[in-house]
Amino acid sequence: MKKAGLIGCGYMGTMHANCYKALGDKVQVVAVADLRAENAKEIADMFGATIYNDAESLIKNADVDFVDICLPTYLHEKYAVMAMRKDFDVFVEKPLCRTKEEAQNLVKVQEETGKTVQVGQVIRFWDEYVWLKDVKEKGTYGKVINGTFKRLSPRPEWAWEGWLHDGEKSGGMALDLHVHDIDYIRYLMGEPKAVKAVGIEEKAGLTEHIITTYIYDDAVLSAEGCWNYPANFRFTMAFCVRFEKATVYHDAGAGEFIVYPADGEPFTPTIDKVDIGTAGSGNISSLGGYYNELEYFVNLLENPSMPQIASLKEGARSVELALDGIEKSIKR
């Protein structure tokens, strides 16, 4: 059994705690930290865990095998570095960090310490996206010709002290939300030959809507991200990918996952999914993808020879690509 220290007991930390609970005897949360005492107590009571007042106290004093960092993005690098230097493995939520310099430093420290670090790029573990990656790699429907990915959300108001809407702390939507599809497109297709982006700044220096195009030798994919829709707007997480022999469409919010073969009738692929309940607040109801990624991480710690699906270097590259898109995008 691995002993976990959970840092950050808000929206994401609570989701992770529920996933660890569902993992049973594979992992035990033995330490938690949050500046908000009531949040820390709620999760500590789930496991009988020790409460620490802040991240630094937990890292310095807790007896754990790894730490799980569910803090605002601008705090990731500081505490991930501290944890690695304390000889802890690390799970750190996405995006990995706020700046390219922080990404480079995290890679450097990991190389020095040799610690295992996984980044919470959960879409790599989301069942329909896992299925898409699998059929692409197998060539089931031939080559990818083009694809579109969408992640559209009401304005997220659940963040602690509104940090998501402070560009210096979060990088805004174009880093925090859009990075999911940036990362997955790289995972699916590899490094693009060229990237073009158009961003909409409704507040100076804060891109709230972005459309990015990724150009490959024989395919073009695009991703659209926005989190400034009205409160009653349905969160949209969707993709439509056209292969040579079929088109695959998925809309999580609408509950649609359909393959349209070039020859034959449309059908919904059968996927075995884990069901451990809902997330509560926020924009995602299912915990399945989060369970999958944390189960994988715990298994990776037990079996280090396993291939890493969402490594620190992968997370760093996706941050760099997201920031490049923001910096180089045509602003409207």
Protein backbone atom coordinates (compact mmCIF):
# COMPACT_ATOMS: atom_id res chain seq x y z
CA MET A 1 0.00 0.00 0.00
CA LYS A 2 1.25 3.46 -0.92
CA LYS A 3 0.94 6.32 1.55
CA ALA A 4 -0.29 9.56 0.02
CA GLY A 5 -0.10 13.17 1.11
CA LEU A 6 -2.85 15.26 -0.47
CA ILE A 7 -2.05 18.97 -0.80
CA GLY A 8 -5.08 21.08 -1.61
CA CYS A 9 -8.53 19.96 -0.47
CA GLY A 10 -10.77 22.04 -2.71
CA TYR A 11 -12.69 20.99 -5.81
CA MET A 12 -9.92 18.92 -7.43
CA GLY A 13 -8.49 17.63 -4.16
CA THR A 14 -11.91 16.32 -3.16
CA MET A 15 -12.24 14.48 -6.46
CA HIS A 16 -8.83 12.90 -5.95
CA ALA A 17 -9.74 11.91 -2.38
CA ASN A 18 -12.86 10.11 -3.61
CA CYS A 19 -10.77 8.27 -6.20
CA TYR A 20 -8.23 7.19 -3.58
CA LYS A 21 -11.08 5.96 -1.42
CA ALA A 22 -12.34 3.87 -4.34
CA LEU A 23 -8.86 2.41 -4.88
CA GLY A 24 -9.19 0.62 -1.55
CA ASP A 25 -6.08 -1.07 -0.19
CA LYS A 26 -3.84 0.15 -3.03
CA VAL A 27 -3.36 3.54 -1.39
CA GLN A 28 -4.05 5.32 1.90
CA VAL A 29 -4.21 9.08 2.29
CA VAL A 30 -2.32 9.59 5.55
CA ALA A 31 -1.75 13.36 5.40
CA VAL A 32 -3.69 16.34 4.04
CA ALA A 33 -2.95 20.06 3.85
CA ASP A 34 -5.10 23.07 3.07
CA LEU A 35 -5.16 26.65 4.29
CA ARG A 36 -8.90 26.20 4.84
CA ALA A 37 -9.20 24.09 7.96
CA GLU A 38 -12.75 22.95 7.21
CA ASN A 39 -11.73 21.56 3.81
CA ALA A 40 -8.76 19.71 5.25
CA LYS A 41 -10.86 18.21 8.05
CA GLU A 42 -13.53 16.94 5.68
CA ILE A 43 -11.02 14.90 3.68
CA ALA A 44 -8.92 13.92 6.70
CA ASP A 45 -12.03 12.42 8.28
CA MET A 46 -12.49 10.17 5.23
CA PHE A 47 -9.17 8.45 5.92
CA GLY A 48 -8.19 9.24 9.50
CA ALA A 49 -5.39 11.34 8.05
CA THR A 50 -3.14 13.84 9.82
CA ILE A 51 -3.89 17.48 9.03
CA TYR A 52 -1.12 19.96 8.22
CA ASN A 53 -1.66 23.70 8.02
CA ASP A 54 0.08 24.12 4.68
CA ALA A 55 1.93 22.35 1.90
CA GLU A 56 5.41 23.02 3.24
CA SER A 57 4.58 21.53 6.65
CA LEU A 58 3.24 18.35 5.04
CA ILE A 59 6.25 17.92 2.77
CA LYS A 60 8.72 18.51 5.60
CA ASN A 61 7.04 16.35 8.22
CA ALA A 62 4.64 13.76 6.80
CA ASP A 63 5.55 10.08 6.40
CA VAL A 64 4.35 9.51 2.84
CA ASP A 65 5.49 7.80 -0.37
CA PHE A 66 4.14 10.47 -2.68
CA VAL A 67 2.38 13.81 -2.64
CA ASP A 68 -0.58 14.78 -4.79
CA ILE A 69 -0.56 18.51 -5.54
CA CYS A 70 -4.03 19.98 -6.19
CA LEU A 71 -3.10 23.62 -5.69
CA PRO A 72 -3.49 26.63 -8.00
CA THR A 73 -1.16 26.45 -11.00
CA TYR A 74 1.23 29.18 -9.85
CA LEU A 75 2.11 27.10 -6.75
CA HIS A 76 2.84 23.81 -8.55
CA GLU A 77 6.52 24.29 -9.29
CA LYS A 78 7.48 25.40 -5.77
CA TYR A 79 5.96 22.41 -4.01
CA ALA A 80 6.73 19.81 -6.67
CA VAL A 81 10.41 20.77 -6.45
CA MET A 82 10.27 20.69 -2.65
CA ALA A 83 8.66 17.25 -2.70
CA MET A 84 11.10 15.75 -5.20
CA ARG A 85 14.05 17.05 -3.17
CA LYS A 86 12.48 15.44 -0.08
CA ASP A 87 12.61 12.12 -2.01
CA PHE A 88 8.87 11.90 -2.68
CA ASP A 89 7.27 10.89 -5.93
CA VAL A 90 4.74 13.44 -7.17
CA PHE A 91 1.37 13.63 -8.84
CA VAL A 92 0.71 17.22 -9.90
CA GLU A 93 -2.47 18.56 -11.42
CA LYS A 94 -2.55 20.14 -14.86
CA PRO A 95 -1.31 22.39 -16.19
CA LEU A 96 2.09 21.35 -14.87
CA CYS A 97 3.12 24.93 -14.11
CA ARG A 98 2.65 28.56 -15.06
CA THR A 99 5.73 29.43 -17.14
CA LYS A 100 8.23 27.87 -19.51
CA GLU A 101 11.03 28.61 -17.04
CA GLU A 102 9.20 26.70 -14.31
CA ALA A 103 8.69 23.78 -16.72
CA GLN A 104 12.40 23.68 -17.51
CA ASN A 105 13.32 23.77 -13.82
CA LEU A 106 10.91 20.93 -13.00
CA VAL A 107 12.45 18.76 -15.72
CA LYS A 108 15.92 19.59 -14.38
CA VAL A 109 15.02 18.68 -10.78
CA GLN A 110 13.39 15.43 -11.84
CA GLU A 111 16.50 14.45 -13.76
CA GLU A 112 18.61 15.23 -10.68
CA THR A 113 16.39 13.33 -8.23
CA GLY A 114 15.13 10.49 -10.41
CA LYS A 115 11.65 10.76 -8.88
CA THR A 116 8.50 9.63 -10.66
CA VAL A 117 6.23 12.54 -11.58
CA GLN A 118 2.88 12.26 -13.33
CA VAL A 119 0.91 15.25 -14.58
CA GLY A 120 -2.88 15.28 -14.33
CA GLN A 121 -3.52 15.39 -18.07
CA VAL A 122 -6.63 13.34 -17.42
CA ILE A 123 -7.92 13.26 -21.00
CA ARG A 124 -5.21 10.73 -21.81
CA PHE A 125 -7.10 8.44 -19.41
CA TRP A 126 -10.67 9.38 -20.38
CA ASP A 127 -12.34 6.25 -21.75
CA GLU A 128 -13.55 7.58 -25.11
CA TYR A 129 -10.23 9.32 -25.72
CA VAL A 130 -8.35 6.15 -24.77
CA TRP A 131 -10.48 4.29 -27.31
CA LEU A 132 -9.71 6.92 -29.98
CA LYS A 133 -5.97 6.66 -29.35
CA ASP A 134 -6.16 2.87 -29.56
CA VAL A 135 -7.94 2.74 -32.95
CA LYS A 136 -5.61 5.38 -34.32
CA GLU A 137 -2.51 3.43 -33.25
CA LYS A 138 -3.92 0.17 -34.65
CA GLY A 139 -4.94 1.79 -37.92
CA THR A 140 -8.44 0.35 -37.52
CA TYR A 141 -9.99 3.00 -39.78
CA GLY A 142 -6.88 4.09 -41.64
CA LYS A 143 -5.11 7.39 -41.20
CA VAL A 144 -6.49 10.48 -39.51
CA ILE A 145 -7.46 13.11 -42.07
CA ASN A 146 -8.79 15.85 -39.83
CA GLY A 147 -10.33 16.39 -36.41
CA THR A 148 -11.91 18.99 -34.17
CA PHE A 149 -11.85 19.10 -30.37
CA LYS A 150 -14.00 21.37 -28.20
CA ARG A 151 -13.94 22.30 -24.53
CA LEU A 152 -16.52 25.01 -23.80
CA SER A 153 -17.58 25.99 -20.32
CA PRO A 154 -19.59 28.44 -18.27
CA ARG A 155 -17.34 30.83 -16.36
CA PRO A 156 -15.74 28.77 -13.54
CA GLU A 157 -16.56 30.51 -10.29
CA TRP A 158 -15.57 27.76 -7.86
CA ALA A 159 -11.85 28.57 -7.76
CA TRP A 160 -10.32 29.64 -4.43
CA GLU A 161 -10.26 33.44 -4.22
CA GLY A 162 -11.01 33.60 -7.96
CA TRP A 163 -7.43 32.67 -8.88
CA LEU A 164 -8.45 31.17 -12.25
CA HIS A 165 -9.38 34.65 -13.50
CA ASP A 166 -6.03 36.16 -12.57
CA GLY A 167 -3.88 35.70 -15.66
CA GLU A 168 -0.64 35.92 -13.71
CA LYS A 169 -1.70 33.01 -11.52
CA SER A 170 -3.52 30.74 -13.97
CA GLY A 171 -2.50 31.74 -17.47
CA GLY A 172 -6.23 32.05 -18.10
CA MET A 173 -8.45 29.70 -20.03
CA ALA A 174 -5.95 29.24 -22.84
CA LEU A 175 -3.55 27.52 -20.44
CA ASP A 176 -5.80 26.04 -17.76
CA LEU A 177 -8.63 24.64 -19.94
CA HIS A 178 -7.28 24.55 -23.49
CA VAL A 179 -4.19 22.62 -22.39
CA HIS A 180 -6.34 19.48 -22.16
CA ASP A 181 -6.89 19.36 -25.92
CA ILE A 182 -3.41 20.67 -26.73
CA ASP A 183 -1.96 17.81 -24.74
CA TYR A 184 -4.28 15.18 -26.17
CA ILE A 185 -3.72 16.20 -29.79
CA ARG A 186 0.04 15.89 -29.23
CA TYR A 187 -0.54 12.50 -27.58
CA LEU A 188 -2.69 11.35 -30.50
CA MET A 189 -0.69 12.76 -33.42
CA GLY A 190 2.78 13.73 -32.21
CA GLU A 191 4.47 17.10 -32.61
CA PRO A 192 2.78 19.35 -35.16
CA LYS A 193 4.71 20.89 -38.05
CA ALA A 194 3.01 24.24 -37.44
CA VAL A 195 0.54 25.83 -35.04
CA LYS A 196 -1.78 28.75 -35.74
CA ALA A 197 -4.09 30.35 -33.18
CA VAL A 198 -6.70 33.06 -32.89
CA GLY A 199 -7.56 34.32 -29.42
CA ILE A 200 -10.29 36.58 -28.10
CA GLU A 201 -9.27 38.92 -25.30
CA GLU A 202 -12.31 40.28 -23.49
CA LYS A 203 -9.99 41.58 -20.79
CA ALA A 204 -6.52 42.89 -21.61
CA GLY A 205 -3.91 40.17 -21.27
CA LEU A 206 -6.46 37.40 -20.59
CA THR A 207 -7.48 35.19 -23.50
CA GLU A 208 -10.96 33.85 -22.76
CA HIS A 209 -11.61 32.09 -26.09
CA ILE A 210 -9.08 30.48 -28.40
CA ILE A 211 -9.15 28.40 -31.56
CA THR A 212 -5.89 26.64 -32.42
CA THR A 213 -5.01 24.71 -35.57
CA TYR A 214 -2.34 21.99 -35.61
CA ILE A 215 -0.86 21.16 -38.99
CA TYR A 216 0.71 17.77 -39.76
CA ASP A 217 2.14 16.27 -42.95
CA ASP A 218 -1.15 14.61 -43.91
CA ALA A 219 -3.70 15.88 -41.37
CA VAL A 220 -5.07 19.07 -39.83
CA LEU A 221 -6.62 19.16 -36.35
CA SER A 222 -8.15 22.04 -34.47
CA ALA A 223 -9.11 22.73 -30.86
CA GLU A 224 -11.48 25.34 -29.49
CA GLY A 225 -11.56 26.41 -25.85
CA CYS A 226 -13.68 28.92 -23.96
CA TRP A 227 -14.85 29.30 -20.37
CA ASN A 228 -16.79 32.54 -20.59
CA TYR A 229 -20.24 31.23 -21.49
CA PRO A 230 -23.34 31.99 -19.34
CA ALA A 231 -23.91 30.03 -16.13
CA ASN A 232 -26.75 28.05 -17.74
CA PHE A 233 -24.59 26.88 -20.67
CA ARG A 234 -23.98 23.12 -20.80
CA PHE A 235 -20.31 22.22 -20.45
CA THR A 236 -19.12 20.76 -23.74
CA MET A 237 -16.29 18.25 -24.04
CA ALA A 238 -16.38 16.85 -27.55
CA PHE A 239 -14.43 15.67 -30.56
CA CYS A 240 -15.10 14.73 -34.17
CA VAL A 241 -12.26 12.88 -35.92
CA ARG A 242 -12.40 11.82 -39.56
CA PHE A 243 -10.34 8.79 -40.55
CA GLU A 244 -10.00 7.38 -44.05
CA LYS A 245 -12.65 4.73 -43.36
CA ALA A 246 -14.82 6.21 -40.61
CA THR A 247 -15.72 9.31 -38.61
CA VAL A 248 -15.83 9.18 -34.81
CA TYR A 249 -17.98 11.62 -32.87
CA HIS A 250 -18.15 12.12 -29.11
CA ASP A 251 -19.98 14.66 -26.96
CA ALA A 252 -19.66 13.86 -23.26
CA GLY A 253 -22.38 16.26 -22.15
CA ALA A 254 -24.90 14.87 -24.63
CA GLY A 255 -23.89 11.28 -23.86
CA GLU A 256 -23.04 10.59 -27.50
CA PHE A 257 -20.23 8.38 -28.75
CA ILE A 258 -20.78 7.20 -32.32
CA VAL A 259 -18.70 5.65 -35.09
CA TYR A 260 -19.89 6.42 -38.62
CA PRO A 261 -18.20 3.85 -40.89
CA ALA A 262 -17.69 4.71 -44.55
CA ASP A 263 -19.46 1.42 -45.22
CA GLY A 264 -22.06 0.16 -42.76
CA GLU A 265 -24.37 1.49 -40.08
CA PRO A 266 -23.39 3.89 -37.28
CA PHE A 267 -22.73 2.26 -33.91
CA THR A 268 -21.65 3.07 -30.37
CA PRO A 269 -18.46 1.27 -29.29
CA THR A 270 -18.67 -0.81 -26.12
CA ILE A 271 -16.39 0.47 -23.38
CA ASP A 272 -16.04 -0.96 -19.88
CA LYS A 273 -16.12 2.02 -17.54
CA VAL A 274 -15.52 2.32 -13.83
CA ASP A 275 -18.35 4.05 -11.96
CA ILE A 276 -17.39 5.56 -8.61
CA GLY A 277 -19.90 8.40 -8.47
CA THR A 278 -19.95 12.06 -9.41
CA ALA A 279 -17.70 15.01 -8.81
CA GLY A 280 -20.29 17.39 -7.40
CA SER A 281 -19.52 21.01 -8.27
CA GLY A 282 -17.46 22.09 -11.24
CA ASN A 283 -17.89 21.17 -14.88
CA ILE A 284 -17.30 17.40 -14.90
CA SER A 285 -19.75 14.92 -13.40
CA SER A 286 -17.96 11.58 -13.86
CA LEU A 287 -14.94 10.64 -11.76
CA GLY A 288 -13.98 7.79 -14.10
CA GLY A 289 -11.09 9.50 -15.89
CA TYR A 290 -9.63 10.76 -12.61
CA TYR A 291 -9.89 7.29 -11.11
CA ASN A 292 -8.16 5.81 -14.17
CA GLU A 293 -5.22 8.23 -14.02
CA LEU A 294 -4.69 7.85 -10.26
CA GLU A 295 -4.97 4.07 -10.43
CA TYR A 296 -2.38 4.14 -13.21
CA PHE A 297 -0.07 6.38 -11.16
CA VAL A 298 -0.23 4.12 -8.09
CA ASN A 299 0.42 1.07 -10.29
CA LEU A 300 3.36 2.91 -11.87
CA LEU A 301 4.90 3.49 -8.46
CA GLU A 302 4.59 -0.24 -7.76
CA ASN A 303 5.95 -1.17 -11.21
CA PRO A 304 8.40 1.53 -12.40
CA SER A 305 9.12 -0.37 -15.62
CA MET A 306 5.63 0.47 -16.91
CA PRO A 307 5.60 3.05 -19.73
CA GLN A 308 4.67 6.52 -18.51
CA ILE A 309 1.59 7.93 -20.19
CA ALA A 310 1.56 11.44 -18.70
CA SER A 311 5.13 12.12 -17.68
CA LEU A 312 6.56 15.39 -16.39
CA LYS A 313 8.35 16.00 -19.70
CA GLU A 314 5.11 15.50 -21.59
CA GLY A 315 3.33 17.93 -19.28
CA ALA A 316 6.14 20.45 -19.69
CA ARG A 317 5.94 20.29 -23.47
CA SER A 318 2.18 20.81 -23.44
CA VAL A 319 2.60 23.89 -21.22
CA GLU A 320 5.18 25.26 -23.65
CA LEU A 321 2.87 24.68 -26.62
CA ALA A 322 -0.06 26.31 -24.81
CA LEU A 323 1.98 29.37 -23.90
CA ASP A 324 3.30 29.63 -27.45
CA GLY A 325 -0.27 29.62 -28.69
CA ILE A 326 -1.21 32.42 -26.32
CA GLU A 327 1.86 34.50 -27.16
CA LYS A 328 1.69 34.07 -30.93
CA SER A 329 -2.08 34.03 -31.44
CA ILE A 330 -3.80 36.66 -33.53
CA LYS A 331 -5.91 38.64 -31.03
CA ARG A 332 -9.46 39.65 -31.83
